[in-house]
Amino acid sequence: MAFNSDLSRRSAIKTLGTVAIASVAPVSADASQTSSALDAAMLQAVADAVLPEALGDAGRRRIVANFQRWLSQYRERADTDHGYGTTRIRATGPSPATCYPGHFAALDKAARESAHAAPFAALTIDARRAVLADQLTAAHVDWLAARPTGAHIATDLMAFYFNSSEAADLCYRARIGRDACRGLDGSDRLPEPLK
């Protein structure tokens, strides 16, 4: 087969690859609807309890918005990169967002049945943390995954943030830019401190 001079072999392969990925990794209608229908007040109430206070209110709202964007762009059955030292490529599973309405309902029920007898979002930060700790213990969630898995909305939000380049910068209070593509210029200097 002869290629048109305007269409390089690389362009043809890229186009075919895009079509193939689109056909095997569609956006799940349920997942995108679930992520857009998440209770924003509950999600923010969880974020305020589990994300660092150093982010401030605006920073936590920004992380929640980024998390919601990540969920809306999640693709089921998409190939993931293989891990270091292995050639096995795995596909993503169902969107973790499908589990969150149940988590929100359980948190609200536990908050109303606690000594505080109020909706989860109306509790103080410390009271929310206590309810979350009880719920995570009951759900046997005892580790933080590398990325959101659907185990629990609290740990998924924490995984989303704490595995980010921004979290590493905050931890070290320096502009490390772990996920940024940097050249060698300035690599002999310490990263600039966060302002």
C-alpha atoms as a PDB file:
ATOM      1  CA  MET A   1       0.000   0.000   0.000  1.00  0.00           C
ATOM      2  CA  ALA A   2       1.457   3.372  -1.012  1.00  0.00           C
ATOM      3  CA  PHE A   3       1.147   6.269   1.409  1.00  0.00           C
ATOM      4  CA  ASN A   4      -0.019   9.681   0.260  1.00  0.00           C
ATOM      5  CA  SER A   5       2.890  12.117   0.427  1.00  0.00           C
ATOM      6  CA  ASP A   6       0.826  14.358   2.750  1.00  0.00           C
ATOM      7  CA  LEU A   7       0.294  11.499   5.189  1.00  0.00           C
ATOM      8  CA  SER A   8       3.419  10.181   6.843  1.00  0.00           C
ATOM      9  CA  ARG A   9       3.663   6.659   8.180  1.00  0.00           C
ATOM     10  CA  ARG A  10       3.882   8.102  11.724  1.00  0.00           C
ATOM     11  CA  SER A  11       0.664  10.110  11.207  1.00  0.00           C
ATOM     12  CA  ALA A  12      -1.136   7.041   9.884  1.00  0.00           C
ATOM     13  CA  ILE A  13      -0.060   4.903  12.840  1.00  0.00           C
ATOM     14  CA  LYS A  14      -0.989   7.669  15.279  1.00  0.00           C
ATOM     15  CA  THR A  15      -4.451   7.984  13.683  1.00  0.00           C
ATOM     16  CA  LEU A  16      -5.027   4.226  13.729  1.00  0.00           C
ATOM     17  CA  GLY A  17      -3.853   4.054  17.342  1.00  0.00           C
ATOM     18  CA  THR A  18      -6.233   6.816  18.358  1.00  0.00           C
ATOM     19  CA  VAL A  19      -9.147   5.035  16.658  1.00  0.00           C
ATOM     20  CA  ALA A  20      -8.196   1.742  18.317  1.00  0.00           C
ATOM     21  CA  ILE A  21      -7.961   3.311  21.774  1.00  0.00           C
ATOM     22  CA  ALA A  22     -11.268   5.109  21.324  1.00  0.00           C
ATOM     23  CA  SER A  23     -12.953   1.851  20.339  1.00  0.00           C
ATOM     24  CA  VAL A  24     -11.630  -0.163  23.294  1.00  0.00           C
ATOM     25  CA  ALA A  25     -11.648   2.481  26.009  1.00  0.00           C
ATOM     26  CA  PRO A  26     -14.916   4.395  25.841  1.00  0.00           C
ATOM     27  CA  VAL A  27     -15.957   6.703  28.618  1.00  0.00           C
ATOM     28  CA  SER A  28     -18.434   4.873  30.770  1.00  0.00           C
ATOM     29  CA  ALA A  29     -21.700   6.797  30.718  1.00  0.00           C
ATOM     30  CA  ASP A  30     -22.390   5.614  34.255  1.00  0.00           C
ATOM     31  CA  ALA A  31     -18.981   6.790  35.451  1.00  0.00           C
ATOM     32  CA  SER A  32     -19.199  10.259  33.926  1.00  0.00           C
ATOM     33  CA  GLN A  33     -22.772  10.710  35.163  1.00  0.00           C
ATOM     34  CA  THR A  34     -21.814   9.470  38.641  1.00  0.00           C
ATOM     35  CA  SER A  35     -18.814  11.783  38.891  1.00  0.00           C
ATOM     36  CA  SER A  36     -20.841  14.805  37.792  1.00  0.00           C
ATOM     37  CA  ALA A  37     -23.672  13.850  40.158  1.00  0.00           C
ATOM     38  CA  LEU A  38     -21.430  13.512  43.214  1.00  0.00           C
ATOM     39  CA  ASP A  39     -22.649  15.480  46.188  1.00  0.00           C
ATOM     40  CA  ALA A  40     -20.335  18.498  45.993  1.00  0.00           C
ATOM     41  CA  ALA A  41     -20.953  19.534  49.604  1.00  0.00           C
ATOM     42  CA  MET A  42     -20.132  16.052  50.902  1.00  0.00           C
ATOM     43  CA  LEU A  43     -17.020  15.782  48.744  1.00  0.00           C
ATOM     44  CA  GLN A  44     -15.788  19.154  50.016  1.00  0.00           C
ATOM     45  CA  ALA A  45     -16.596  18.138  53.615  1.00  0.00           C
ATOM     46  CA  VAL A  46     -14.448  15.015  53.184  1.00  0.00           C
ATOM     47  CA  ALA A  47     -11.665  17.045  51.544  1.00  0.00           C
ATOM     48  CA  ASP A  48     -11.636  19.565  54.375  1.00  0.00           C
ATOM     49  CA  ALA A  49     -11.169  16.697  56.841  1.00  0.00           C
ATOM     50  CA  VAL A  50      -8.464  14.705  55.019  1.00  0.00           C
ATOM     51  CA  LEU A  51      -6.415  17.183  52.976  1.00  0.00           C
ATOM     52  CA  PRO A  52      -3.699  19.336  54.591  1.00  0.00           C
ATOM     53  CA  GLU A  53      -4.817  22.511  56.326  1.00  0.00           C
ATOM     54  CA  ALA A  54      -1.746  24.197  54.783  1.00  0.00           C
ATOM     55  CA  LEU A  55      -3.564  24.167  51.422  1.00  0.00           C
ATOM     56  CA  GLY A  56      -6.160  26.579  52.752  1.00  0.00           C
ATOM     57  CA  ASP A  57      -9.814  26.609  51.726  1.00  0.00           C
ATOM     58  CA  ALA A  58      -9.071  27.700  48.153  1.00  0.00           C
ATOM     59  CA  GLY A  59      -6.384  25.033  47.748  1.00  0.00           C
ATOM     60  CA  ARG A  60      -8.690  22.242  48.947  1.00  0.00           C
ATOM     61  CA  ARG A  61     -11.461  23.465  46.611  1.00  0.00           C
ATOM     62  CA  ARG A  62      -8.967  23.395  43.740  1.00  0.00           C
ATOM     63  CA  ILE A  63      -7.906  19.812  44.589  1.00  0.00           C
ATOM     64  CA  VAL A  64     -11.581  18.762  44.713  1.00  0.00           C
ATOM     65  CA  ALA A  65     -12.183  20.353  41.294  1.00  0.00           C
ATOM     66  CA  ASN A  66      -9.120  18.557  39.878  1.00  0.00           C
ATOM     67  CA  PHE A  67     -10.318  15.269  41.396  1.00  0.00           C
ATOM     68  CA  GLN A  68     -13.767  15.714  39.850  1.00  0.00           C
ATOM     69  CA  ARG A  69     -12.131  16.474  36.485  1.00  0.00           C
ATOM     70  CA  TRP A  70      -9.996  13.324  36.801  1.00  0.00           C
ATOM     71  CA  LEU A  71     -13.106  11.274  37.525  1.00  0.00           C
ATOM     72  CA  SER A  72     -15.015  12.748  34.576  1.00  0.00           C
ATOM     73  CA  GLN A  73     -12.125  11.879  32.245  1.00  0.00           C
ATOM     74  CA  TYR A  74     -11.632   8.358  33.642  1.00  0.00           C
ATOM     75  CA  ARG A  75     -11.665   5.643  30.962  1.00  0.00           C
ATOM     76  CA  GLU A  76     -12.568   2.055  31.733  1.00  0.00           C
ATOM     77  CA  ARG A  77     -10.561  -0.712  30.039  1.00  0.00           C
ATOM     78  CA  ALA A  78      -7.757   1.698  29.092  1.00  0.00           C
ATOM     79  CA  ASP A  79      -4.258   0.210  29.018  1.00  0.00           C
ATOM     80  CA  THR A  80      -2.008   1.325  31.843  1.00  0.00           C
ATOM     81  CA  ASP A  81       1.751   1.548  31.752  1.00  0.00           C
ATOM     82  CA  HIS A  82       3.590  -1.540  32.923  1.00  0.00           C
ATOM     83  CA  GLY A  83       5.436  -1.329  36.202  1.00  0.00           C
ATOM     84  CA  TYR A  84       9.187  -1.244  36.565  1.00  0.00           C
ATOM     85  CA  GLY A  85      10.723  -4.642  35.812  1.00  0.00           C
ATOM     86  CA  THR A  86       7.613  -6.186  34.284  1.00  0.00           C
ATOM     87  CA  THR A  87       6.137  -6.243  30.805  1.00  0.00           C
ATOM     88  CA  ARG A  88       2.557  -6.990  31.861  1.00  0.00           C
ATOM     89  CA  ILE A  89       0.151  -4.222  30.865  1.00  0.00           C
ATOM     90  CA  ARG A  90      -3.114  -4.038  32.758  1.00  0.00           C
ATOM     91  CA  ALA A  91      -6.377  -2.348  31.869  1.00  0.00           C
ATOM     92  CA  THR A  92      -8.215   0.042  34.147  1.00  0.00           C
ATOM     93  CA  GLY A  93     -11.316  -1.259  35.890  1.00  0.00           C
ATOM     94  CA  PRO A  94     -14.665   0.388  36.502  1.00  0.00           C
ATOM     95  CA  SER A  95     -14.626   4.010  37.596  1.00  0.00           C
ATOM     96  CA  PRO A  96     -14.149   4.403  41.343  1.00  0.00           C
ATOM     97  CA  ALA A  97     -16.848   7.106  41.225  1.00  0.00           C
ATOM     98  CA  THR A  98     -19.561   4.446  41.132  1.00  0.00           C
ATOM     99  CA  CYS A  99     -18.730   3.567  44.769  1.00  0.00           C
ATOM    100  CA  TYR A 100     -18.838   7.093  46.171  1.00  0.00           C
ATOM    101  CA  PRO A 101     -22.608   7.643  46.571  1.00  0.00           C
ATOM    102  CA  GLY A 102     -22.675   4.639  48.920  1.00  0.00           C
ATOM    103  CA  HIS A 103     -19.726   6.018  50.886  1.00  0.00           C
ATOM    104  CA  PHE A 104     -21.403   9.416  51.222  1.00  0.00           C
ATOM    105  CA  ALA A 105     -24.635   7.796  52.419  1.00  0.00           C
ATOM    106  CA  ALA A 106     -22.753   5.701  55.011  1.00  0.00           C
ATOM    107  CA  LEU A 107     -20.836   8.749  56.267  1.00  0.00           C
ATOM    108  CA  ASP A 108     -24.004  10.799  56.622  1.00  0.00           C
ATOM    109  CA  LYS A 109     -25.837   7.957  58.381  1.00  0.00           C
ATOM    110  CA  ALA A 110     -22.923   7.399  60.795  1.00  0.00           C
ATOM    111  CA  ALA A 111     -22.747  11.131  61.558  1.00  0.00           C
ATOM    112  CA  ARG A 112     -26.479  11.320  62.268  1.00  0.00           C
ATOM    113  CA  GLU A 113     -26.327   8.227  64.499  1.00  0.00           C
ATOM    114  CA  SER A 114     -23.262   9.467  66.407  1.00  0.00           C
ATOM    115  CA  ALA A 115     -23.281  11.591  69.539  1.00  0.00           C
ATOM    116  CA  HIS A 116     -23.288  14.660  67.259  1.00  0.00           C
ATOM    117  CA  ALA A 117     -26.615  13.717  65.629  1.00  0.00           C
ATOM    118  CA  ALA A 118     -26.024  15.981  62.629  1.00  0.00           C
ATOM    119  CA  PRO A 119     -25.330  15.584  58.903  1.00  0.00           C
ATOM    120  CA  PHE A 120     -21.676  14.788  58.092  1.00  0.00           C
ATOM    121  CA  ALA A 121     -21.076  18.116  56.330  1.00  0.00           C
ATOM    122  CA  ALA A 122     -22.350  20.019  59.387  1.00  0.00           C
ATOM    123  CA  LEU A 123     -19.876  18.378  61.802  1.00  0.00           C
ATOM    124  CA  THR A 124     -16.670  20.016  62.980  1.00  0.00           C
ATOM    125  CA  ILE A 125     -13.480  18.914  61.238  1.00  0.00           C
ATOM    126  CA  ASP A 126     -12.446  16.811  64.258  1.00  0.00           C
ATOM    127  CA  ALA A 127     -15.868  15.131  64.412  1.00  0.00           C
ATOM    128  CA  ARG A 128     -15.698  14.391  60.663  1.00  0.00           C
ATOM    129  CA  ARG A 129     -12.256  12.844  61.120  1.00  0.00           C
ATOM    130  CA  ALA A 130     -13.605  10.615  63.900  1.00  0.00           C
ATOM    131  CA  VAL A 131     -16.516   9.442  61.730  1.00  0.00           C
ATOM    132  CA  LEU A 132     -14.143   8.850  58.810  1.00  0.00           C
ATOM    133  CA  ALA A 133     -11.740   6.858  60.999  1.00  0.00           C
ATOM    134  CA  ASP A 134     -14.595   4.621  62.164  1.00  0.00           C
ATOM    135  CA  GLN A 135     -15.857   4.140  58.596  1.00  0.00           C
ATOM    136  CA  LEU A 136     -12.380   3.284  57.255  1.00  0.00           C
ATOM    137  CA  THR A 137     -11.861   0.788  60.064  1.00  0.00           C
ATOM    138  CA  ALA A 138     -15.263  -0.804  59.374  1.00  0.00           C
ATOM    139  CA  ALA A 139     -14.451  -1.005  55.641  1.00  0.00           C
ATOM    140  CA  HIS A 140     -11.024  -2.555  56.432  1.00  0.00           C
ATOM    141  CA  VAL A 141      -9.232   0.178  54.478  1.00  0.00           C
ATOM    142  CA  ASP A 142      -5.751   0.264  55.977  1.00  0.00           C
ATOM    143  CA  TRP A 143      -3.497   1.496  53.200  1.00  0.00           C
ATOM    144  CA  LEU A 144      -3.280   4.325  50.707  1.00  0.00           C
ATOM    145  CA  ALA A 145      -3.281   3.170  47.085  1.00  0.00           C
ATOM    146  CA  ALA A 146      -1.150   4.781  44.402  1.00  0.00           C
ATOM    147  CA  ARG A 147      -4.307   6.053  42.700  1.00  0.00           C
ATOM    148  CA  PRO A 148      -8.056   6.105  43.427  1.00  0.00           C
ATOM    149  CA  THR A 149      -9.502   2.573  43.523  1.00  0.00           C
ATOM    150  CA  GLY A 150     -13.014   2.970  44.922  1.00  0.00           C
ATOM    151  CA  ALA A 151     -12.073   1.487  48.316  1.00  0.00           C
ATOM    152  CA  HIS A 152     -13.316   4.661  50.028  1.00  0.00           C
ATOM    153  CA  ILE A 153     -13.881   8.241  48.928  1.00  0.00           C
ATOM    154  CA  ALA A 154     -11.594   9.570  51.706  1.00  0.00           C
ATOM    155  CA  THR A 155      -8.591   7.413  50.816  1.00  0.00           C
ATOM    156  CA  ASP A 156      -9.183   7.905  47.088  1.00  0.00           C
ATOM    157  CA  LEU A 157      -9.109  11.673  47.497  1.00  0.00           C
ATOM    158  CA  MET A 158      -5.982  11.347  49.634  1.00  0.00           C
ATOM    159  CA  ALA A 159      -4.330   9.052  47.056  1.00  0.00           C
ATOM    160  CA  PHE A 160      -5.163  11.521  44.307  1.00  0.00           C
ATOM    161  CA  TYR A 161      -3.549  14.395  46.194  1.00  0.00           C
ATOM    162  CA  PHE A 162      -0.698  12.800  48.171  1.00  0.00           C
ATOM    163  CA  ASN A 163       0.727  11.043  45.105  1.00  0.00           C
ATOM    164  CA  SER A 164       0.874  14.333  43.205  1.00  0.00           C
ATOM    165  CA  SER A 165       3.866  16.523  42.453  1.00  0.00           C
ATOM    166  CA  GLU A 166       2.156  19.365  44.339  1.00  0.00           C
ATOM    167  CA  ALA A 167       1.977  17.266  47.521  1.00  0.00           C
ATOM    168  CA  ALA A 168       5.690  16.438  47.280  1.00  0.00           C
ATOM    169  CA  ASP A 169       6.444  20.154  46.940  1.00  0.00           C
ATOM    170  CA  LEU A 170       4.324  20.960  50.004  1.00  0.00           C
ATOM    171  CA  CYS A 171       5.925  18.138  51.993  1.00  0.00           C
ATOM    172  CA  TYR A 172       9.441  19.425  51.336  1.00  0.00           C
ATOM    173  CA  ARG A 173       8.347  23.076  51.203  1.00  0.00           C
ATOM    174  CA  ALA A 174      10.280  23.452  47.958  1.00  0.00           C
ATOM    175  CA  ARG A 175       9.491  23.687  44.241  1.00  0.00           C
ATOM    176  CA  ILE A 176      10.765  20.223  43.337  1.00  0.00           C
ATOM    177  CA  GLY A 177       8.367  19.664  40.441  1.00  0.00           C
ATOM    178  CA  ARG A 178       8.668  15.876  40.642  1.00  0.00           C
ATOM    179  CA  ASP A 179       6.475  15.311  37.581  1.00  0.00           C
ATOM    180  CA  ALA A 180       7.808  18.281  35.609  1.00  0.00           C
ATOM    181  CA  CYS A 181      10.107  17.721  32.672  1.00  0.00           C
ATOM    182  CA  ARG A 182      13.233  19.662  33.596  1.00  0.00           C
ATOM    183  CA  GLY A 183      16.520  20.076  31.810  1.00  0.00           C
ATOM    184  CA  LEU A 184      19.992  19.997  33.304  1.00  0.00           C
ATOM    185  CA  ASP A 185      20.186  23.769  33.682  1.00  0.00           C
ATOM    186  CA  GLY A 186      20.102  24.569  37.383  1.00  0.00           C
ATOM    187  CA  SER A 187      20.190  20.910  38.428  1.00  0.00           C
ATOM    188  CA  ASP A 188      23.201  21.707  40.619  1.00  0.00           C
ATOM    189  CA  ARG A 189      21.095  24.094  42.754  1.00  0.00           C
ATOM    190  CA  LEU A 190      18.614  23.233  45.487  1.00  0.00           C
ATOM    191  CA  PRO A 191      14.952  23.680  44.544  1.00  0.00           C
ATOM    192  CA  GLU A 192      13.508  27.100  45.368  1.00  0.00           C
ATOM    193  CA  PRO A 193      11.566  27.213  48.643  1.00  0.00           C
ATOM    194  CA  LEU A 194       7.778  27.530  48.461  1.00  0.00           C
ATOM    195  CA  LYS A 195       6.545  31.034  49.135  1.00  0.00           C
END
